[in-house]
Amino acid sequence: MANQTNVVFIHGSGQSKLSFNFLEIFLPEHNLLSLEYDVQEDPEVIIKRFKFLIDQHLDDKPFSIISHSYGCILSARLLDIFTNVEHLFALSSPWGGSRTAKWLAMVFRTSKLFATMTPGSEFLTSIAKSKSEIPITNIVTAGTGSGNALAGLGSAPNDGLLTIETQKKVPEGFVNTKQITVDLSHNEVLLSMEIVNIIKERVFHENEN
């Protein structure tokens, strides 16, 4: 039990810890802490609660983070707080925000999610300035078809929800990043054996000589 990898999972917006079920089944044995949040919470409030839960459940033990979509942005803030993170595995992350969210924020003015994910928002700007030397795997989902016209605002290649462009805008201060592009949609990435195998290699260090 002591030698198991500690994994913190942070789901994407509109999802829950259940979205990790498929990946969890096929990954090597591990100690899992799934963190939950409401998209209408202030992101800094979410981060404070995450810190409390991680401290409570993992103490100072090293851990890796596997996150999806909006959860990746929240995960990036944790790298500023914890020194015992071993790996950040980011799936379909909107590093540069969402142009769709920008327009929706004008309509739904009380939405914390749309305000946070608007390109150039205070929170995204702070994430873009983050620095970390820990290994980061950034999975870019290129989609399985022509994408979603709304997500791409007409023409930008996307995975059905986020543009490929925003997924590739990893903070420049993340100096130990490996970027991998897969032909999967935004949600298919959570149901893929290809992703399971990449996690096994990158996070669990399987198949290493």
C-alpha atoms as a PDB file:
ATOM      1  CA  MET A   1       0.000   0.000   0.000  1.00  0.00           C
ATOM      2  CA  ALA A   2       2.840   2.395   0.877  1.00  0.00           C
ATOM      3  CA  ASN A   3       4.390   2.035  -2.555  1.00  0.00           C
ATOM      4  CA  GLN A   4       1.235   2.837  -4.483  1.00  0.00           C
ATOM      5  CA  THR A   5       1.068   6.009  -6.550  1.00  0.00           C
ATOM      6  CA  ASN A   6      -1.111   8.694  -5.016  1.00  0.00           C
ATOM      7  CA  VAL A   7      -3.419  10.160  -7.665  1.00  0.00           C
ATOM      8  CA  VAL A   8      -5.559  13.279  -7.367  1.00  0.00           C
ATOM      9  CA  PHE A   9      -8.260  13.500 -10.031  1.00  0.00           C
ATOM     10  CA  ILE A  10      -9.999  16.777 -10.915  1.00  0.00           C
ATOM     11  CA  HIS A  11     -12.923  16.529 -13.328  1.00  0.00           C
ATOM     12  CA  GLY A  12     -14.019  18.985 -16.002  1.00  0.00           C
ATOM     13  CA  SER A  13     -16.940  21.404 -15.919  1.00  0.00           C
ATOM     14  CA  GLY A  14     -20.389  19.838 -15.891  1.00  0.00           C
ATOM     15  CA  GLN A  15     -18.941  16.489 -14.824  1.00  0.00           C
ATOM     16  CA  SER A  16     -18.100  14.694 -11.588  1.00  0.00           C
ATOM     17  CA  LYS A  17     -15.613  12.207 -10.177  1.00  0.00           C
ATOM     18  CA  LEU A  18     -17.544   9.516 -12.076  1.00  0.00           C
ATOM     19  CA  SER A  19     -15.901  10.701 -15.296  1.00  0.00           C
ATOM     20  CA  PHE A  20     -12.684   9.053 -14.073  1.00  0.00           C
ATOM     21  CA  ASN A  21     -14.284   5.596 -13.693  1.00  0.00           C
ATOM     22  CA  PHE A  22     -13.078   4.124 -17.000  1.00  0.00           C
ATOM     23  CA  LEU A  23      -9.480   5.242 -16.594  1.00  0.00           C
ATOM     24  CA  GLU A  24      -9.399   4.175 -12.949  1.00  0.00           C
ATOM     25  CA  ILE A  25     -10.403   0.592 -13.791  1.00  0.00           C
ATOM     26  CA  PHE A  26      -7.503   0.040 -16.173  1.00  0.00           C
ATOM     27  CA  LEU A  27      -4.733   1.916 -14.369  1.00  0.00           C
ATOM     28  CA  PRO A  28      -2.282   0.177 -12.024  1.00  0.00           C
ATOM     29  CA  GLU A  29      -3.290   0.013  -8.374  1.00  0.00           C
ATOM     30  CA  HIS A  30      -3.239   3.471  -6.805  1.00  0.00           C
ATOM     31  CA  ASN A  31      -4.552   5.594  -3.960  1.00  0.00           C
ATOM     32  CA  LEU A  32      -7.190   7.915  -5.446  1.00  0.00           C
ATOM     33  CA  LEU A  33      -8.490  11.224  -4.185  1.00  0.00           C
ATOM     34  CA  SER A  34     -11.210  12.675  -6.448  1.00  0.00           C
ATOM     35  CA  LEU A  35     -11.896  16.360  -5.878  1.00  0.00           C
ATOM     36  CA  GLU A  36     -15.307  17.883  -6.582  1.00  0.00           C
ATOM     37  CA  TYR A  37     -16.405  21.461  -7.222  1.00  0.00           C
ATOM     38  CA  ASP A  38     -19.256  23.587  -8.544  1.00  0.00           C
ATOM     39  CA  VAL A  39     -18.448  25.581 -11.682  1.00  0.00           C
ATOM     40  CA  GLN A  40     -20.201  28.626 -10.241  1.00  0.00           C
ATOM     41  CA  GLU A  41     -17.806  28.813  -7.310  1.00  0.00           C
ATOM     42  CA  ASP A  42     -15.000  31.338  -7.388  1.00  0.00           C
ATOM     43  CA  PRO A  43     -11.920  29.416  -8.573  1.00  0.00           C
ATOM     44  CA  GLU A  44      -9.794  30.706  -5.693  1.00  0.00           C
ATOM     45  CA  VAL A  45     -12.380  29.355  -3.232  1.00  0.00           C
ATOM     46  CA  ILE A  46     -12.213  25.991  -4.991  1.00  0.00           C
ATOM     47  CA  ILE A  47      -8.419  25.970  -4.728  1.00  0.00           C
ATOM     48  CA  LYS A  48      -8.491  26.702  -0.996  1.00  0.00           C
ATOM     49  CA  ARG A  49     -10.827  23.743  -0.444  1.00  0.00           C
ATOM     50  CA  PHE A  50      -8.668  21.509  -2.646  1.00  0.00           C
ATOM     51  CA  LYS A  51      -5.599  22.422  -0.580  1.00  0.00           C
ATOM     52  CA  PHE A  52      -7.396  21.537   2.636  1.00  0.00           C
ATOM     53  CA  LEU A  53      -8.568  18.163   1.283  1.00  0.00           C
ATOM     54  CA  ILE A  54      -5.169  17.234  -0.157  1.00  0.00           C
ATOM     55  CA  ASP A  55      -3.443  18.177   3.109  1.00  0.00           C
ATOM     56  CA  GLN A  56      -6.003  16.176   5.068  1.00  0.00           C
ATOM     57  CA  HIS A  57      -5.896  13.028   2.937  1.00  0.00           C
ATOM     58  CA  LEU A  58      -2.295  12.930   1.709  1.00  0.00           C
ATOM     59  CA  ASP A  59      -0.383  14.922   4.306  1.00  0.00           C
ATOM     60  CA  ASP A  60       3.053  15.518   2.727  1.00  0.00           C
ATOM     61  CA  LYS A  61       3.066  12.396   0.576  1.00  0.00           C
ATOM     62  CA  PRO A  62       4.000  12.877  -3.102  1.00  0.00           C
ATOM     63  CA  PHE A  63       1.125  12.709  -5.569  1.00  0.00           C
ATOM     64  CA  SER A  64       0.328  13.070  -9.250  1.00  0.00           C
ATOM     65  CA  ILE A  65      -2.606  15.003 -10.681  1.00  0.00           C
ATOM     66  CA  ILE A  66      -4.767  13.755 -13.534  1.00  0.00           C
ATOM     67  CA  SER A  67      -7.240  16.373 -14.673  1.00  0.00           C
ATOM     68  CA  HIS A  68      -9.655  17.088 -17.491  1.00  0.00           C
ATOM     69  CA  SER A  69     -10.716  20.336 -19.184  1.00  0.00           C
ATOM     70  CA  TYR A  70     -11.462  23.094 -16.624  1.00  0.00           C
ATOM     71  CA  GLY A  71      -9.984  20.809 -13.981  1.00  0.00           C
ATOM     72  CA  CYS A  72      -6.575  21.301 -15.639  1.00  0.00           C
ATOM     73  CA  ILE A  73      -6.736  25.039 -15.053  1.00  0.00           C
ATOM     74  CA  LEU A  74      -7.556  24.463 -11.395  1.00  0.00           C
ATOM     75  CA  SER A  75      -4.731  21.904 -11.220  1.00  0.00           C
ATOM     76  CA  ALA A  76      -2.221  24.426 -12.509  1.00  0.00           C
ATOM     77  CA  ARG A  77      -2.876  26.637  -9.494  1.00  0.00           C
ATOM     78  CA  LEU A  78      -2.044  23.691  -7.208  1.00  0.00           C
ATOM     79  CA  LEU A  79       1.460  23.624  -8.678  1.00  0.00           C
ATOM     80  CA  ASP A  80       2.001  27.041  -7.103  1.00  0.00           C
ATOM     81  CA  ILE A  81       0.987  25.658  -3.696  1.00  0.00           C
ATOM     82  CA  PHE A  82       2.415  22.144  -3.395  1.00  0.00           C
ATOM     83  CA  THR A  83       6.058  21.125  -3.723  1.00  0.00           C
ATOM     84  CA  ASN A  84       5.298  17.383  -3.632  1.00  0.00           C
ATOM     85  CA  VAL A  85       3.467  17.061  -6.964  1.00  0.00           C
ATOM     86  CA  GLU A  86       5.254  14.461  -9.079  1.00  0.00           C
ATOM     87  CA  HIS A  87       3.367  14.848 -12.374  1.00  0.00           C
ATOM     88  CA  LEU A  88       0.513  16.810 -13.904  1.00  0.00           C
ATOM     89  CA  PHE A  89      -1.371  14.903 -16.586  1.00  0.00           C
ATOM     90  CA  ALA A  90      -3.672  17.380 -18.337  1.00  0.00           C
ATOM     91  CA  LEU A  91      -6.441  16.196 -20.672  1.00  0.00           C
ATOM     92  CA  SER A  92      -8.016  18.708 -23.095  1.00  0.00           C
ATOM     93  CA  SER A  93      -7.015  21.792 -21.148  1.00  0.00           C
ATOM     94  CA  PRO A  94      -8.319  25.255 -22.124  1.00  0.00           C
ATOM     95  CA  TRP A  95      -5.030  26.959 -21.254  1.00  0.00           C
ATOM     96  CA  GLY A  96      -5.827  30.017 -23.343  1.00  0.00           C
ATOM     97  CA  GLY A  97      -9.475  30.153 -22.341  1.00  0.00           C
ATOM     98  CA  SER A  98     -12.484  29.798 -24.598  1.00  0.00           C
ATOM     99  CA  ARG A  99     -13.654  32.307 -27.184  1.00  0.00           C
ATOM    100  CA  THR A 100     -17.118  30.823 -26.850  1.00  0.00           C
ATOM    101  CA  ALA A 101     -17.027  31.512 -23.096  1.00  0.00           C
ATOM    102  CA  LYS A 102     -16.173  35.133 -23.865  1.00  0.00           C
ATOM    103  CA  TRP A 103     -19.419  35.599 -25.765  1.00  0.00           C
ATOM    104  CA  LEU A 104     -21.491  33.565 -23.328  1.00  0.00           C
ATOM    105  CA  ALA A 105     -20.134  35.663 -20.457  1.00  0.00           C
ATOM    106  CA  MET A 106     -21.780  38.689 -22.045  1.00  0.00           C
ATOM    107  CA  VAL A 107     -25.146  36.937 -21.904  1.00  0.00           C
ATOM    108  CA  PHE A 108     -24.791  35.058 -18.635  1.00  0.00           C
ATOM    109  CA  ARG A 109     -23.163  37.823 -16.643  1.00  0.00           C
ATOM    110  CA  THR A 110     -23.355  36.040 -13.288  1.00  0.00           C
ATOM    111  CA  SER A 111     -21.574  32.907 -14.539  1.00  0.00           C
ATOM    112  CA  LYS A 112     -18.269  32.393 -12.723  1.00  0.00           C
ATOM    113  CA  LEU A 113     -17.240  29.705 -15.218  1.00  0.00           C
ATOM    114  CA  PHE A 114     -17.681  31.826 -18.343  1.00  0.00           C
ATOM    115  CA  ALA A 115     -16.022  34.831 -16.691  1.00  0.00           C
ATOM    116  CA  THR A 116     -13.066  32.711 -15.580  1.00  0.00           C
ATOM    117  CA  MET A 117     -12.657  31.030 -18.967  1.00  0.00           C
ATOM    118  CA  THR A 118     -12.798  34.256 -20.977  1.00  0.00           C
ATOM    119  CA  PRO A 119      -9.387  34.753 -22.643  1.00  0.00           C
ATOM    120  CA  GLY A 120      -7.361  37.290 -20.683  1.00  0.00           C
ATOM    121  CA  SER A 121      -9.349  36.867 -17.454  1.00  0.00           C
ATOM    122  CA  GLU A 122      -7.492  37.590 -14.220  1.00  0.00           C
ATOM    123  CA  PHE A 123      -7.411  33.908 -13.266  1.00  0.00           C
ATOM    124  CA  LEU A 124      -6.167  32.691 -16.661  1.00  0.00           C
ATOM    125  CA  THR A 125      -3.558  35.446 -16.736  1.00  0.00           C
ATOM    126  CA  SER A 126      -2.231  34.305 -13.382  1.00  0.00           C
ATOM    127  CA  ILE A 127      -2.094  30.699 -14.633  1.00  0.00           C
ATOM    128  CA  ALA A 128      -0.214  31.816 -17.765  1.00  0.00           C
ATOM    129  CA  LYS A 129       2.446  33.345 -15.503  1.00  0.00           C
ATOM    130  CA  SER A 130       2.880  30.147 -13.463  1.00  0.00           C
ATOM    131  CA  LYS A 131       6.250  28.404 -13.381  1.00  0.00           C
ATOM    132  CA  SER A 132       6.992  24.760 -12.717  1.00  0.00           C
ATOM    133  CA  GLU A 133       9.737  22.255 -13.430  1.00  0.00           C
ATOM    134  CA  ILE A 134       7.694  19.135 -12.643  1.00  0.00           C
ATOM    135  CA  PRO A 135       6.890  16.767 -15.539  1.00  0.00           C
ATOM    136  CA  ILE A 136       3.682  17.788 -17.304  1.00  0.00           C
ATOM    137  CA  THR A 137       1.924  15.771 -19.968  1.00  0.00           C
ATOM    138  CA  ASN A 138      -0.423  17.910 -22.037  1.00  0.00           C
ATOM    139  CA  ILE A 139      -2.905  15.823 -24.039  1.00  0.00           C
ATOM    140  CA  VAL A 140      -4.362  17.794 -26.963  1.00  0.00           C
ATOM    141  CA  THR A 141      -7.582  16.323 -28.312  1.00  0.00           C
ATOM    142  CA  ALA A 142      -7.872  17.036 -32.031  1.00  0.00           C
ATOM    143  CA  GLY A 143     -11.350  15.565 -32.396  1.00  0.00           C
ATOM    144  CA  THR A 144     -12.689  12.799 -34.597  1.00  0.00           C
ATOM    145  CA  GLY A 145     -14.479  14.824 -37.261  1.00  0.00           C
ATOM    146  CA  SER A 146     -15.134  18.378 -38.341  1.00  0.00           C
ATOM    147  CA  GLY A 147     -15.650  19.531 -34.762  1.00  0.00           C
ATOM    148  CA  ASN A 148     -18.242  21.951 -33.454  1.00  0.00           C
ATOM    149  CA  ALA A 149     -18.887  25.201 -35.323  1.00  0.00           C
ATOM    150  CA  LEU A 150     -19.743  27.001 -32.077  1.00  0.00           C
ATOM    151  CA  ALA A 151     -16.604  25.801 -30.283  1.00  0.00           C
ATOM    152  CA  GLY A 152     -14.479  26.964 -33.198  1.00  0.00           C
ATOM    153  CA  LEU A 153     -16.567  30.088 -33.815  1.00  0.00           C
ATOM    154  CA  GLY A 154     -17.060  28.957 -37.385  1.00  0.00           C
ATOM    155  CA  SER A 155     -13.732  27.624 -38.587  1.00  0.00           C
ATOM    156  CA  ALA A 156     -11.102  26.927 -35.901  1.00  0.00           C
ATOM    157  CA  PRO A 157     -10.190  23.220 -35.573  1.00  0.00           C
ATOM    158  CA  ASN A 158     -11.560  21.881 -32.293  1.00  0.00           C
ATOM    159  CA  ASP A 159     -12.385  18.732 -30.336  1.00  0.00           C
ATOM    160  CA  GLY A 160     -16.106  19.461 -30.158  1.00  0.00           C
ATOM    161  CA  LEU A 161     -15.781  21.856 -27.225  1.00  0.00           C
ATOM    162  CA  LEU A 162     -12.328  23.483 -27.210  1.00  0.00           C
ATOM    163  CA  THR A 163     -10.090  24.657 -30.017  1.00  0.00           C
ATOM    164  CA  ILE A 164      -6.794  22.896 -30.571  1.00  0.00           C
ATOM    165  CA  GLU A 165      -5.145  26.313 -30.319  1.00  0.00           C
ATOM    166  CA  THR A 166      -6.201  26.923 -26.710  1.00  0.00           C
ATOM    167  CA  GLN A 167      -5.190  23.402 -25.682  1.00  0.00           C
ATOM    168  CA  LYS A 168      -1.649  24.031 -26.923  1.00  0.00           C
ATOM    169  CA  LYS A 169      -1.164  27.304 -24.993  1.00  0.00           C
ATOM    170  CA  VAL A 170       0.654  25.721 -22.079  1.00  0.00           C
ATOM    171  CA  PRO A 171       2.202  28.360 -19.782  1.00  0.00           C
ATOM    172  CA  GLU A 172       5.737  29.123 -20.935  1.00  0.00           C
ATOM    173  CA  GLY A 173       6.923  28.697 -17.354  1.00  0.00           C
ATOM    174  CA  PHE A 174       6.030  24.992 -17.472  1.00  0.00           C
ATOM    175  CA  VAL A 175       9.462  24.060 -18.740  1.00  0.00           C
ATOM    176  CA  ASN A 176       9.187  20.271 -18.489  1.00  0.00           C
ATOM    177  CA  THR A 177       6.147  19.680 -20.695  1.00  0.00           C
ATOM    178  CA  LYS A 178       5.533  16.920 -23.214  1.00  0.00           C
ATOM    179  CA  GLN A 179       2.677  17.633 -25.619  1.00  0.00           C
ATOM    180  CA  ILE A 180       0.807  14.712 -27.196  1.00  0.00           C
ATOM    181  CA  THR A 181      -1.974  15.108 -29.768  1.00  0.00           C
ATOM    182  CA  VAL A 182      -4.612  12.386 -30.075  1.00  0.00           C
ATOM    183  CA  ASP A 183      -7.509  11.958 -32.494  1.00  0.00           C
ATOM    184  CA  LEU A 184     -10.196  11.929 -29.833  1.00  0.00           C
ATOM    185  CA  SER A 185     -13.052  14.255 -28.961  1.00  0.00           C
ATOM    186  CA  HIS A 186     -13.244  16.275 -25.753  1.00  0.00           C
ATOM    187  CA  ASN A 187     -15.086  13.538 -23.846  1.00  0.00           C
ATOM    188  CA  GLU A 188     -13.769  10.472 -25.682  1.00  0.00           C
ATOM    189  CA  VAL A 189     -10.393  11.162 -24.091  1.00  0.00           C
ATOM    190  CA  LEU A 190     -11.828   9.850 -20.805  1.00  0.00           C
ATOM    191  CA  LEU A 191     -12.839   6.551 -22.431  1.00  0.00           C
ATOM    192  CA  SER A 192      -9.689   5.654 -24.327  1.00  0.00           C
ATOM    193  CA  MET A 193      -7.249   2.782 -23.864  1.00  0.00           C
ATOM    194  CA  GLU A 194      -4.688   4.906 -25.713  1.00  0.00           C
ATOM    195  CA  ILE A 195      -4.880   7.412 -22.859  1.00  0.00           C
ATOM    196  CA  VAL A 196      -4.690   4.623 -20.272  1.00  0.00           C
ATOM    197  CA  ASN A 197      -1.428   3.449 -21.836  1.00  0.00           C
ATOM    198  CA  ILE A 198       0.033   6.962 -21.947  1.00  0.00           C
ATOM    199  CA  ILE A 199      -0.828   7.486 -18.266  1.00  0.00           C
ATOM    200  CA  LYS A 200       0.765   4.145 -17.394  1.00  0.00           C
ATOM    201  CA  GLU A 201       3.960   5.217 -19.110  1.00  0.00           C
ATOM    202  CA  ARG A 202       4.108   8.851 -18.034  1.00  0.00           C
ATOM    203  CA  VAL A 203       2.623   8.760 -14.513  1.00  0.00           C
ATOM    204  CA  PHE A 204       3.198   5.164 -13.367  1.00  0.00           C
ATOM    205  CA  HIS A 205       6.495   4.726 -15.247  1.00  0.00           C
ATOM    206  CA  GLU A 206       5.569   1.382 -16.722  1.00  0.00           C
ATOM    207  CA  ASN A 207       7.643   0.005 -19.613  1.00  0.00           C
ATOM    208  CA  GLU A 208      10.715   1.930 -18.489  1.00  0.00           C
ATOM    209  CA  ASN A 209      14.064   0.146 -18.680  1.00  0.00           C
END
